[in-house]
Amino acid sequence: MKTILILLFLSVFTISAYGQDKNNYVYFNKLIELGGSDYVIATIENVGKMFSVKSKYLLFINTRNGQSKQVDFTKDASIEKIEQIRIDSLQINKVLVAARTVNLDENKHIDWNDPVQVIIISADGQEKVQLTEDKFFVSTWIINNHTGNMVVTGHYDSNNNGKYDKTDKSEILLYDLKTLKLISKI
């Protein structure tokens, strides 16, 4: 009886080991057309065994010639919002990405307690600039279409503990979207 149980256990183990999927899967989560350009953005997750994410990126596809540019993010990043910023009168055509890309509290992975950063990417995917600092927790933002400036609200982790508490300082940041530079802190 003991021998039969051991053989049964080994056969079940062998079947389950051979039955595992050894392929990676690519998920195209969203396609976004960028107005005023030849580009479309595809959000892509490369998933392996047990649905573990192997890589996460945005693919900027030139619909005129088929060329593409991959913009990588960390595998456990959380891309929360992708928004086109297009102000023709100021020759601004960029992509705003709000994402959690830094494990500030240094636990096992990036989660809801980590800050959202604002990242600006050119419409062709060639230039990627993180506007907000890693320790700045972005709350909201708005873009003034007349000046081409962006106002970002949030708080700065001033005591370096990786979370929002009483000692952290709330700030309003003003960025120039043409130069991608901080104009002032309010």
N, C-alpha and C. Protein backbone atom coordinates (compact mmCIF):
# COMPACT_ATOMS: atom_id res chain seq x y z
N MET A 1 0.83 -1.19 0.00
CA MET A 1 0.00 0.00 0.00
C MET A 1 0.87 1.26 0.00
N LYS A 2 1.94 1.20 0.78
CA LYS A 2 2.85 2.32 0.86
C LYS A 2 3.52 2.56 -0.50
N THR A 3 3.88 1.52 -1.19
CA THR A 3 4.51 1.61 -2.50
C THR A 3 3.56 2.19 -3.53
N ILE A 4 2.29 1.82 -3.45
CA ILE A 4 1.29 2.33 -4.38
C ILE A 4 1.09 3.83 -4.16
N LEU A 5 1.06 4.26 -2.89
CA LEU A 5 0.90 5.69 -2.60
C LEU A 5 2.10 6.49 -3.12
N ILE A 6 3.28 5.95 -2.95
CA ILE A 6 4.48 6.64 -3.43
C ILE A 6 4.46 6.74 -4.96
N LEU A 7 4.09 5.66 -5.64
CA LEU A 7 4.01 5.68 -7.10
C LEU A 7 2.94 6.65 -7.59
N LEU A 8 1.81 6.67 -6.90
CA LEU A 8 0.74 7.59 -7.25
C LEU A 8 1.19 9.04 -7.08
N PHE A 9 1.85 9.33 -5.97
CA PHE A 9 2.36 10.68 -5.71
C PHE A 9 3.37 11.10 -6.78
N LEU A 10 4.30 10.21 -7.11
CA LEU A 10 5.32 10.53 -8.11
C LEU A 10 4.70 10.74 -9.49
N SER A 11 3.70 9.96 -9.84
CA SER A 11 3.06 10.13 -11.16
C SER A 11 2.29 11.44 -11.22
N VAL A 12 1.61 11.83 -10.15
CA VAL A 12 0.89 13.11 -10.12
C VAL A 12 1.89 14.25 -10.20
N PHE A 13 3.00 14.15 -9.48
CA PHE A 13 4.03 15.19 -9.50
C PHE A 13 4.63 15.31 -10.90
N THR A 14 4.91 14.21 -11.54
CA THR A 14 5.49 14.21 -12.88
C THR A 14 4.53 14.82 -13.90
N ILE A 15 3.26 14.45 -13.82
CA ILE A 15 2.26 14.99 -14.74
C ILE A 15 2.12 16.50 -14.55
N SER A 16 2.09 16.95 -13.31
CA SER A 16 1.93 18.39 -13.06
C SER A 16 3.17 19.16 -13.50
N ALA A 17 4.35 18.58 -13.35
CA ALA A 17 5.58 19.26 -13.78
C ALA A 17 5.62 19.38 -15.30
N TYR A 18 5.24 18.36 -16.02
CA TYR A 18 5.22 18.42 -17.48
C TYR A 18 4.04 19.21 -18.01
N GLY A 19 3.03 19.35 -17.22
CA GLY A 19 1.83 20.05 -17.65
C GLY A 19 1.92 21.56 -17.53
N GLN A 20 3.00 22.06 -16.89
CA GLN A 20 3.13 23.50 -16.74
C GLN A 20 3.46 24.15 -18.07
N ASP A 21 2.90 25.31 -18.28
CA ASP A 21 3.13 26.06 -19.50
C ASP A 21 4.49 26.74 -19.42
N LYS A 22 5.34 26.51 -20.38
CA LYS A 22 6.67 27.07 -20.37
C LYS A 22 6.81 28.28 -21.29
N ASN A 23 5.73 28.75 -21.85
CA ASN A 23 5.76 29.88 -22.78
C ASN A 23 5.46 31.18 -22.05
N ASN A 24 5.91 32.27 -22.66
CA ASN A 24 5.56 33.60 -22.20
C ASN A 24 4.40 34.10 -23.05
N TYR A 25 3.58 34.95 -22.47
CA TYR A 25 2.47 35.54 -23.18
C TYR A 25 2.62 37.05 -23.19
N VAL A 26 2.25 37.66 -24.29
CA VAL A 26 2.30 39.10 -24.42
C VAL A 26 0.86 39.60 -24.46
N TYR A 27 0.56 40.55 -23.55
CA TYR A 27 -0.78 41.12 -23.49
C TYR A 27 -0.72 42.58 -23.95
N PHE A 28 -1.51 42.90 -24.99
CA PHE A 28 -1.66 44.26 -25.46
C PHE A 28 -2.89 44.80 -24.74
N ASN A 29 -2.66 45.59 -23.71
CA ASN A 29 -3.77 46.03 -22.87
C ASN A 29 -4.58 47.18 -23.47
N LYS A 30 -3.89 48.06 -24.22
CA LYS A 30 -4.60 49.23 -24.71
C LYS A 30 -3.85 49.80 -25.92
N LEU A 31 -4.58 50.34 -26.87
CA LEU A 31 -4.00 51.08 -27.99
C LEU A 31 -4.49 52.51 -27.92
N ILE A 32 -3.56 53.46 -28.06
CA ILE A 32 -3.91 54.88 -27.95
C ILE A 32 -3.36 55.61 -29.17
N GLU A 33 -4.23 56.28 -29.91
CA GLU A 33 -3.78 57.09 -31.05
C GLU A 33 -3.30 58.44 -30.54
N LEU A 34 -2.15 58.89 -31.05
CA LEU A 34 -1.63 60.20 -30.69
C LEU A 34 -1.98 61.19 -31.80
N GLY A 35 -2.96 62.06 -31.51
CA GLY A 35 -3.38 63.05 -32.49
C GLY A 35 -2.25 63.98 -32.87
N GLY A 36 -2.25 64.42 -34.13
CA GLY A 36 -1.22 65.34 -34.60
C GLY A 36 0.11 64.67 -34.86
N SER A 37 0.14 63.34 -34.88
CA SER A 37 1.39 62.61 -35.14
C SER A 37 1.05 61.32 -35.90
N ASP A 38 2.09 60.62 -36.31
CA ASP A 38 1.91 59.36 -37.02
C ASP A 38 1.92 58.17 -36.06
N TYR A 39 1.87 58.42 -34.76
CA TYR A 39 2.12 57.37 -33.78
C TYR A 39 0.87 56.87 -33.05
N VAL A 40 0.97 55.59 -32.68
CA VAL A 40 0.01 54.92 -31.81
C VAL A 40 0.82 54.29 -30.70
N ILE A 41 0.28 54.29 -29.48
CA ILE A 41 0.95 53.67 -28.34
C ILE A 41 0.23 52.38 -28.00
N ALA A 42 1.00 51.31 -27.82
CA ALA A 42 0.47 50.04 -27.31
C ALA A 42 1.05 49.82 -25.92
N THR A 43 0.18 49.53 -24.94
CA THR A 43 0.68 49.18 -23.60
C THR A 43 0.81 47.66 -23.56
N ILE A 44 1.99 47.19 -23.15
CA ILE A 44 2.31 45.77 -23.28
C ILE A 44 2.85 45.21 -21.97
N GLU A 45 2.36 44.01 -21.61
CA GLU A 45 2.89 43.24 -20.48
C GLU A 45 3.33 41.89 -21.01
N ASN A 46 4.55 41.51 -20.69
CA ASN A 46 5.08 40.20 -21.04
C ASN A 46 4.97 39.33 -19.79
N VAL A 47 4.11 38.30 -19.84
CA VAL A 47 3.79 37.50 -18.66
C VAL A 47 4.31 36.08 -18.85
N GLY A 48 4.93 35.54 -17.79
CA GLY A 48 5.47 34.19 -17.84
C GLY A 48 4.63 33.22 -17.02
N LYS A 49 5.31 32.19 -16.49
CA LYS A 49 4.63 31.17 -15.68
C LYS A 49 3.91 31.79 -14.49
N MET A 50 2.83 31.20 -14.13
CA MET A 50 2.03 31.62 -12.97
C MET A 50 1.65 33.10 -13.03
N PHE A 51 1.52 33.62 -14.25
CA PHE A 51 1.11 35.00 -14.50
C PHE A 51 2.04 36.03 -13.86
N SER A 52 3.32 35.69 -13.70
CA SER A 52 4.29 36.65 -13.18
C SER A 52 4.73 37.55 -14.33
N VAL A 53 4.73 38.85 -14.08
CA VAL A 53 5.09 39.82 -15.11
C VAL A 53 6.60 39.81 -15.29
N LYS A 54 7.04 39.60 -16.52
CA LYS A 54 8.47 39.59 -16.83
C LYS A 54 8.94 40.96 -17.29
N SER A 55 8.10 41.69 -17.99
CA SER A 55 8.44 43.04 -18.42
C SER A 55 7.17 43.82 -18.72
N LYS A 56 7.30 45.15 -18.66
CA LYS A 56 6.18 46.05 -18.90
C LYS A 56 6.73 47.24 -19.68
N TYR A 57 6.07 47.58 -20.78
CA TYR A 57 6.58 48.70 -21.57
C TYR A 57 5.48 49.30 -22.44
N LEU A 58 5.79 50.49 -22.95
CA LEU A 58 4.96 51.15 -23.94
C LEU A 58 5.67 51.03 -25.27
N LEU A 59 4.92 50.72 -26.31
CA LEU A 59 5.50 50.60 -27.64
C LEU A 59 4.92 51.71 -28.51
N PHE A 60 5.78 52.63 -28.95
CA PHE A 60 5.38 53.72 -29.82
C PHE A 60 5.54 53.24 -31.26
N ILE A 61 4.44 53.12 -31.99
CA ILE A 61 4.43 52.56 -33.33
C ILE A 61 4.17 53.66 -34.34
N ASN A 62 5.09 53.83 -35.29
CA ASN A 62 4.90 54.78 -36.37
C ASN A 62 4.00 54.11 -37.41
N THR A 63 2.78 54.62 -37.57
CA THR A 63 1.82 53.99 -38.47
C THR A 63 2.09 54.29 -39.94
N ARG A 64 3.02 55.20 -40.20
CA ARG A 64 3.37 55.52 -41.58
C ARG A 64 4.41 54.54 -42.14
N ASN A 65 5.44 54.20 -41.31
CA ASN A 65 6.52 53.34 -41.81
C ASN A 65 6.69 52.03 -41.03
N GLY A 66 5.92 51.83 -39.97
CA GLY A 66 5.97 50.58 -39.22
C GLY A 66 7.10 50.47 -38.20
N GLN A 67 7.94 51.48 -38.09
CA GLN A 67 9.01 51.44 -37.09
C GLN A 67 8.41 51.65 -35.71
N SER A 68 9.13 51.13 -34.68
CA SER A 68 8.62 51.26 -33.32
C SER A 68 9.75 51.57 -32.36
N LYS A 69 9.38 52.14 -31.22
CA LYS A 69 10.31 52.47 -30.15
C LYS A 69 9.70 51.98 -28.85
N GLN A 70 10.46 51.16 -28.11
CA GLN A 70 10.00 50.59 -26.85
C GLN A 70 10.48 51.46 -25.69
N VAL A 71 9.56 51.83 -24.79
CA VAL A 71 9.88 52.59 -23.59
C VAL A 71 9.61 51.68 -22.40
N ASP A 72 10.67 51.27 -21.72
CA ASP A 72 10.57 50.28 -20.65
C ASP A 72 10.22 50.88 -19.30
N PHE A 73 9.52 50.08 -18.49
CA PHE A 73 9.24 50.39 -17.09
C PHE A 73 9.65 49.16 -16.28
N THR A 74 9.82 49.33 -14.98
CA THR A 74 10.16 48.17 -14.15
C THR A 74 9.02 47.18 -14.19
N LYS A 75 9.32 45.89 -14.00
CA LYS A 75 8.30 44.85 -14.19
C LYS A 75 7.15 44.95 -13.19
N ASP A 76 7.40 45.53 -12.01
CA ASP A 76 6.30 45.66 -11.05
C ASP A 76 5.74 47.08 -10.99
N ALA A 77 6.08 47.90 -11.99
CA ALA A 77 5.53 49.25 -12.07
C ALA A 77 4.02 49.18 -12.31
N SER A 78 3.35 50.22 -11.89
CA SER A 78 1.91 50.31 -12.10
C SER A 78 1.64 51.57 -12.91
N ILE A 79 1.33 51.39 -14.19
CA ILE A 79 1.00 52.53 -15.05
C ILE A 79 -0.47 52.85 -14.83
N GLU A 80 -0.72 54.01 -14.27
CA GLU A 80 -2.08 54.35 -13.86
C GLU A 80 -2.83 55.17 -14.90
N LYS A 81 -2.11 56.05 -15.62
CA LYS A 81 -2.81 56.89 -16.59
C LYS A 81 -1.84 57.27 -17.70
N ILE A 82 -2.36 57.26 -18.92
CA ILE A 82 -1.61 57.73 -20.09
C ILE A 82 -2.48 58.78 -20.75
N GLU A 83 -1.91 59.97 -20.95
CA GLU A 83 -2.70 61.09 -21.45
C GLU A 83 -1.86 61.89 -22.45
N GLN A 84 -2.43 62.22 -23.58
CA GLN A 84 -1.72 63.04 -24.55
C GLN A 84 -1.86 64.51 -24.17
N ILE A 85 -0.75 65.24 -24.26
CA ILE A 85 -0.74 66.69 -24.07
C ILE A 85 -0.46 67.30 -25.43
N ARG A 86 -1.47 67.91 -26.00
CA ARG A 86 -1.32 68.49 -27.33
C ARG A 86 -1.80 69.93 -27.31
N ILE A 87 -0.83 70.85 -27.51
CA ILE A 87 -1.13 72.28 -27.59
C ILE A 87 -0.48 72.77 -28.88
N ASP A 88 -1.21 72.77 -29.96
CA ASP A 88 -0.66 73.10 -31.28
C ASP A 88 -0.08 74.50 -31.33
N SER A 89 -0.72 75.48 -30.68
CA SER A 89 -0.25 76.87 -30.73
C SER A 89 1.13 77.03 -30.10
N LEU A 90 1.52 76.13 -29.21
CA LEU A 90 2.84 76.18 -28.55
C LEU A 90 3.78 75.08 -29.03
N GLN A 91 3.38 74.34 -30.06
CA GLN A 91 4.15 73.21 -30.61
C GLN A 91 4.50 72.18 -29.52
N ILE A 92 3.53 71.86 -28.69
CA ILE A 92 3.70 70.84 -27.65
C ILE A 92 2.84 69.64 -28.01
N ASN A 93 3.48 68.50 -28.17
CA ASN A 93 2.77 67.24 -28.41
C ASN A 93 3.55 66.15 -27.69
N LYS A 94 3.12 65.84 -26.47
CA LYS A 94 3.83 64.90 -25.62
C LYS A 94 2.84 63.94 -24.98
N VAL A 95 3.37 62.94 -24.30
CA VAL A 95 2.55 61.96 -23.61
C VAL A 95 2.87 62.03 -22.12
N LEU A 96 1.86 62.20 -21.31
CA LEU A 96 2.01 62.19 -19.86
C LEU A 96 1.66 60.79 -19.36
N VAL A 97 2.56 60.23 -18.56
CA VAL A 97 2.32 58.92 -17.95
C VAL A 97 2.39 59.12 -16.44
N ALA A 98 1.33 58.74 -15.75
CA ALA A 98 1.32 58.73 -14.29
C ALA A 98 1.51 57.28 -13.88
N ALA A 99 2.60 57.01 -13.15
CA ALA A 99 2.92 55.63 -12.84
C ALA A 99 3.64 55.52 -11.49
N ARG A 100 3.46 54.38 -10.87
CA ARG A 100 4.23 54.05 -9.66
C ARG A 100 5.41 53.21 -10.14
N THR A 101 6.61 53.78 -10.06
CA THR A 101 7.79 53.10 -10.59
C THR A 101 8.88 52.89 -9.55
N VAL A 102 8.67 53.39 -8.34
CA VAL A 102 9.70 53.33 -7.29
C VAL A 102 9.12 52.66 -6.05
N ASN A 103 9.87 51.71 -5.49
CA ASN A 103 9.49 51.05 -4.24
C ASN A 103 10.07 51.86 -3.09
N LEU A 104 9.41 52.98 -2.75
CA LEU A 104 9.94 53.92 -1.77
C LEU A 104 9.98 53.35 -0.36
N ASP A 105 8.97 52.57 0.03
CA ASP A 105 8.95 52.01 1.38
C ASP A 105 9.78 50.74 1.50
N GLU A 106 10.41 50.33 0.39
CA GLU A 106 11.35 49.20 0.34
C GLU A 106 10.77 47.89 0.88
N ASN A 107 9.48 47.65 0.62
CA ASN A 107 8.92 46.33 0.93
C ASN A 107 9.16 45.43 -0.27
N LYS A 108 8.46 44.35 -0.41
CA LYS A 108 8.75 43.36 -1.45
C LYS A 108 8.56 43.88 -2.87
N HIS A 109 7.60 44.75 -3.09
CA HIS A 109 7.31 45.21 -4.44
C HIS A 109 6.61 46.56 -4.41
N ILE A 110 6.47 47.18 -5.58
CA ILE A 110 5.75 48.44 -5.70
C ILE A 110 4.28 48.19 -5.47
N ASP A 111 3.67 49.01 -4.58
CA ASP A 111 2.26 48.84 -4.26
C ASP A 111 1.59 50.20 -4.12
N TRP A 112 0.36 50.21 -3.60
CA TRP A 112 -0.43 51.44 -3.49
C TRP A 112 0.16 52.45 -2.52
N ASN A 113 1.05 52.03 -1.64
CA ASN A 113 1.66 52.95 -0.68
C ASN A 113 2.83 53.72 -1.28
N ASP A 114 3.29 53.33 -2.45
CA ASP A 114 4.40 54.00 -3.11
C ASP A 114 3.89 55.19 -3.92
N PRO A 115 4.78 56.17 -4.17
CA PRO A 115 4.33 57.40 -4.85
C PRO A 115 4.07 57.22 -6.33
N VAL A 116 3.18 58.06 -6.83
CA VAL A 116 2.93 58.17 -8.26
C VAL A 116 3.89 59.24 -8.79
N GLN A 117 4.58 58.93 -9.88
CA GLN A 117 5.44 59.92 -10.52
C GLN A 117 4.80 60.36 -11.83
N VAL A 118 5.14 61.58 -12.25
CA VAL A 118 4.71 62.09 -13.55
C VAL A 118 5.90 61.97 -14.50
N ILE A 119 5.68 61.26 -15.60
CA ILE A 119 6.72 61.03 -16.60
C ILE A 119 6.20 61.59 -17.92
N ILE A 120 7.06 62.35 -18.61
CA ILE A 120 6.70 62.92 -19.91
C ILE A 120 7.53 62.22 -20.98
N ILE A 121 6.84 61.76 -22.03
CA ILE A 121 7.50 61.07 -23.13
C ILE A 121 7.15 61.80 -24.42
N SER A 122 8.14 61.96 -25.30
CA SER A 122 7.89 62.61 -26.58
C SER A 122 6.90 61.76 -27.39
N ALA A 123 6.24 62.39 -28.36
CA ALA A 123 5.20 61.70 -29.14
C ALA A 123 5.76 60.53 -29.96
N ASP A 124 7.07 60.51 -30.20
CA ASP A 124 7.67 59.41 -30.94
C ASP A 124 8.35 58.38 -30.01
N GLY A 125 8.32 58.63 -28.70
CA GLY A 125 8.89 57.70 -27.73
C GLY A 125 10.40 57.81 -27.57
N GLN A 126 11.03 58.76 -28.23
CA GLN A 126 12.50 58.88 -28.19
C GLN A 126 13.00 59.51 -26.91
N GLU A 127 12.21 60.40 -26.29
CA GLU A 127 12.65 61.11 -25.09
C GLU A 127 11.71 60.77 -23.92
N LYS A 128 12.30 60.39 -22.78
CA LYS A 128 11.54 60.06 -21.58
C LYS A 128 12.14 60.83 -20.41
N VAL A 129 11.32 61.66 -19.74
CA VAL A 129 11.79 62.48 -18.63
C VAL A 129 10.82 62.31 -17.46
N GLN A 130 11.36 61.93 -16.30
CA GLN A 130 10.54 61.88 -15.09
C GLN A 130 10.54 63.28 -14.49
N LEU A 131 9.38 63.93 -14.47
CA LEU A 131 9.29 65.31 -13.96
C LEU A 131 9.41 65.34 -12.44
N THR A 132 8.61 64.56 -11.76
CA THR A 132 8.57 64.62 -10.30
C THR A 132 9.64 63.72 -9.70
N GLU A 133 10.14 64.11 -8.55
CA GLU A 133 11.17 63.34 -7.86
C GLU A 133 10.57 62.04 -7.31
N ASP A 134 11.43 61.07 -7.05
CA ASP A 134 10.98 59.78 -6.51
C ASP A 134 10.24 59.93 -5.19
N LYS A 135 10.63 60.89 -4.37
CA LYS A 135 10.04 61.06 -3.04
C LYS A 135 8.83 61.99 -3.02
N PHE A 136 8.38 62.42 -4.20
CA PHE A 136 7.21 63.28 -4.28
C PHE A 136 5.99 62.44 -4.63
N PHE A 137 4.97 62.47 -3.78
CA PHE A 137 3.72 61.73 -3.98
C PHE A 137 2.75 62.64 -4.73
N VAL A 138 2.53 62.39 -6.02
CA VAL A 138 1.65 63.21 -6.84
C VAL A 138 0.20 62.94 -6.48
N SER A 139 -0.57 64.01 -6.28
CA SER A 139 -2.01 63.89 -6.01
C SER A 139 -2.80 64.19 -7.28
N THR A 140 -2.64 65.41 -7.79
CA THR A 140 -3.38 65.83 -8.98
C THR A 140 -2.48 66.70 -9.86
N TRP A 141 -2.94 66.94 -11.08
CA TRP A 141 -2.23 67.84 -11.98
C TRP A 141 -3.23 68.43 -12.95
N ILE A 142 -2.83 69.56 -13.51
CA ILE A 142 -3.63 70.20 -14.56
C ILE A 142 -2.67 70.94 -15.48
N ILE A 143 -3.07 71.07 -16.74
CA ILE A 143 -2.23 71.72 -17.74
C ILE A 143 -2.93 72.98 -18.22
N ASN A 144 -2.20 74.10 -18.21
CA ASN A 144 -2.73 75.34 -18.73
C ASN A 144 -2.41 75.41 -20.22
N ASN A 145 -3.42 75.34 -21.06
CA ASN A 145 -3.24 75.31 -22.51
C ASN A 145 -2.78 76.66 -23.08
N HIS A 146 -2.91 77.74 -22.31
CA HIS A 146 -2.48 79.05 -22.78
C HIS A 146 -0.97 79.24 -22.59
N THR A 147 -0.43 78.77 -21.45
CA THR A 147 0.99 78.97 -21.14
C THR A 147 1.85 77.74 -21.45
N GLY A 148 1.24 76.57 -21.53
CA GLY A 148 2.01 75.35 -21.74
C GLY A 148 2.69 74.87 -20.47
N ASN A 149 2.18 75.31 -19.34
CA ASN A 149 2.74 74.91 -18.05
C ASN A 149 1.81 73.93 -17.35
N MET A 150 2.38 73.12 -16.49
CA MET A 150 1.62 72.11 -15.76
C MET A 150 1.77 72.36 -14.26
N VAL A 151 0.65 72.32 -13.55
CA VAL A 151 0.65 72.47 -12.10
C VAL A 151 0.40 71.08 -11.50
N VAL A 152 1.28 70.69 -10.57
CA VAL A 152 1.19 69.37 -9.93
C VAL A 152 1.08 69.58 -8.43
N THR A 153 0.11 68.92 -7.80
CA THR A 153 -0.01 69.00 -6.34
C THR A 153 0.36 67.65 -5.73
N GLY A 154 0.80 67.71 -4.49
CA GLY A 154 1.15 66.48 -3.78
C GLY A 154 1.93 66.78 -2.53
N HIS A 155 2.66 65.81 -2.06
CA HIS A 155 3.48 66.01 -0.86
C HIS A 155 4.83 65.34 -1.03
N TYR A 156 5.81 65.90 -0.35
CA TYR A 156 7.17 65.41 -0.42
C TYR A 156 7.48 64.65 0.86
N ASP A 157 8.04 63.44 0.74
CA ASP A 157 8.40 62.63 1.90
C ASP A 157 9.66 63.22 2.55
N SER A 158 9.46 64.25 3.37
CA SER A 158 10.59 65.00 3.93
C SER A 158 11.34 64.26 5.03
N ASN A 159 10.69 63.30 5.70
CA ASN A 159 11.39 62.56 6.76
C ASN A 159 11.92 61.20 6.28
N ASN A 160 11.81 60.93 4.99
CA ASN A 160 12.39 59.73 4.37
C ASN A 160 11.92 58.40 4.98
N ASN A 161 10.66 58.34 5.37
CA ASN A 161 10.15 57.07 5.91
C ASN A 161 9.31 56.30 4.90
N GLY A 162 9.18 56.81 3.69
CA GLY A 162 8.49 56.10 2.63
C GLY A 162 6.98 56.13 2.69
N LYS A 163 6.42 57.00 3.51
CA LYS A 163 4.95 57.09 3.60
C LYS A 163 4.53 58.51 3.95
N TYR A 164 3.22 58.77 3.80
CA TYR A 164 2.67 60.09 4.09
C TYR A 164 2.30 60.17 5.56
N ASP A 165 2.83 61.16 6.25
CA ASP A 165 2.48 61.40 7.65
C ASP A 165 2.52 62.90 7.96
N LYS A 166 2.34 63.26 9.23
CA LYS A 166 2.20 64.67 9.63
C LYS A 166 3.41 65.54 9.29
N THR A 167 4.59 64.96 9.31
CA THR A 167 5.81 65.77 9.09
C THR A 167 6.09 66.03 7.61
N ASP A 168 5.39 65.37 6.70
CA ASP A 168 5.62 65.59 5.28
C ASP A 168 5.05 66.93 4.83
N LYS A 169 5.70 67.51 3.84
CA LYS A 169 5.35 68.85 3.38
C LYS A 169 4.53 68.79 2.09
N SER A 170 3.35 69.41 2.10
CA SER A 170 2.53 69.52 0.89
C SER A 170 3.11 70.61 0.01
N GLU A 171 3.11 70.36 -1.30
CA GLU A 171 3.68 71.34 -2.23
C GLU A 171 2.86 71.41 -3.51
N ILE A 172 3.01 72.52 -4.18
CA ILE A 172 2.48 72.71 -5.52
C ILE A 172 3.68 73.01 -6.40
N LEU A 173 3.83 72.23 -7.48
CA LEU A 173 4.97 72.38 -8.38
C LEU A 173 4.48 72.90 -9.73
N LEU A 174 5.27 73.78 -10.33
CA LEU A 174 4.94 74.35 -11.63
C LEU A 174 6.05 73.97 -12.62
N TYR A 175 5.66 73.27 -13.70
CA TYR A 175 6.61 72.79 -14.71
C TYR A 175 6.33 73.43 -16.06
N ASP A 176 7.40 73.72 -16.81
CA ASP A 176 7.31 74.17 -18.18
C ASP A 176 7.35 72.93 -19.08
N LEU A 177 6.30 72.71 -19.86
CA LEU A 177 6.22 71.51 -20.70
C LEU A 177 7.06 71.60 -21.97
N LYS A 178 7.54 72.80 -22.33
CA LYS A 178 8.44 72.90 -23.48
C LYS A 178 9.85 72.48 -23.09
N THR A 179 10.32 72.94 -21.93
CA THR A 179 11.69 72.63 -21.49
C THR A 179 11.73 71.42 -20.56
N LEU A 180 10.57 71.01 -20.04
CA LEU A 180 10.45 69.92 -19.06
C LEU A 180 11.26 70.20 -17.80
N LYS A 181 11.23 71.47 -17.38
CA LYS A 181 11.97 71.91 -16.19
C LYS A 181 10.99 72.45 -15.15
N LEU A 182 11.40 72.33 -13.88
CA LEU A 182 10.64 72.89 -12.76
C LEU A 182 10.80 74.41 -12.77
N ILE A 183 9.68 75.11 -12.78
CA ILE A 183 9.72 76.58 -12.75
C ILE A 183 9.76 77.08 -11.31
N SER A 184 8.85 76.53 -10.48
CA SER A 184 8.82 76.97 -9.09
C SER A 184 8.08 75.97 -8.21
N LYS A 185 8.35 76.08 -6.91
CA LYS A 185 7.64 75.33 -5.86
C LYS A 185 6.84 76.35 -5.06
N ILE A 186 5.58 76.01 -4.82
CA ILE A 186 4.71 76.95 -4.09
C ILE A 186 4.30 76.29 -2.79
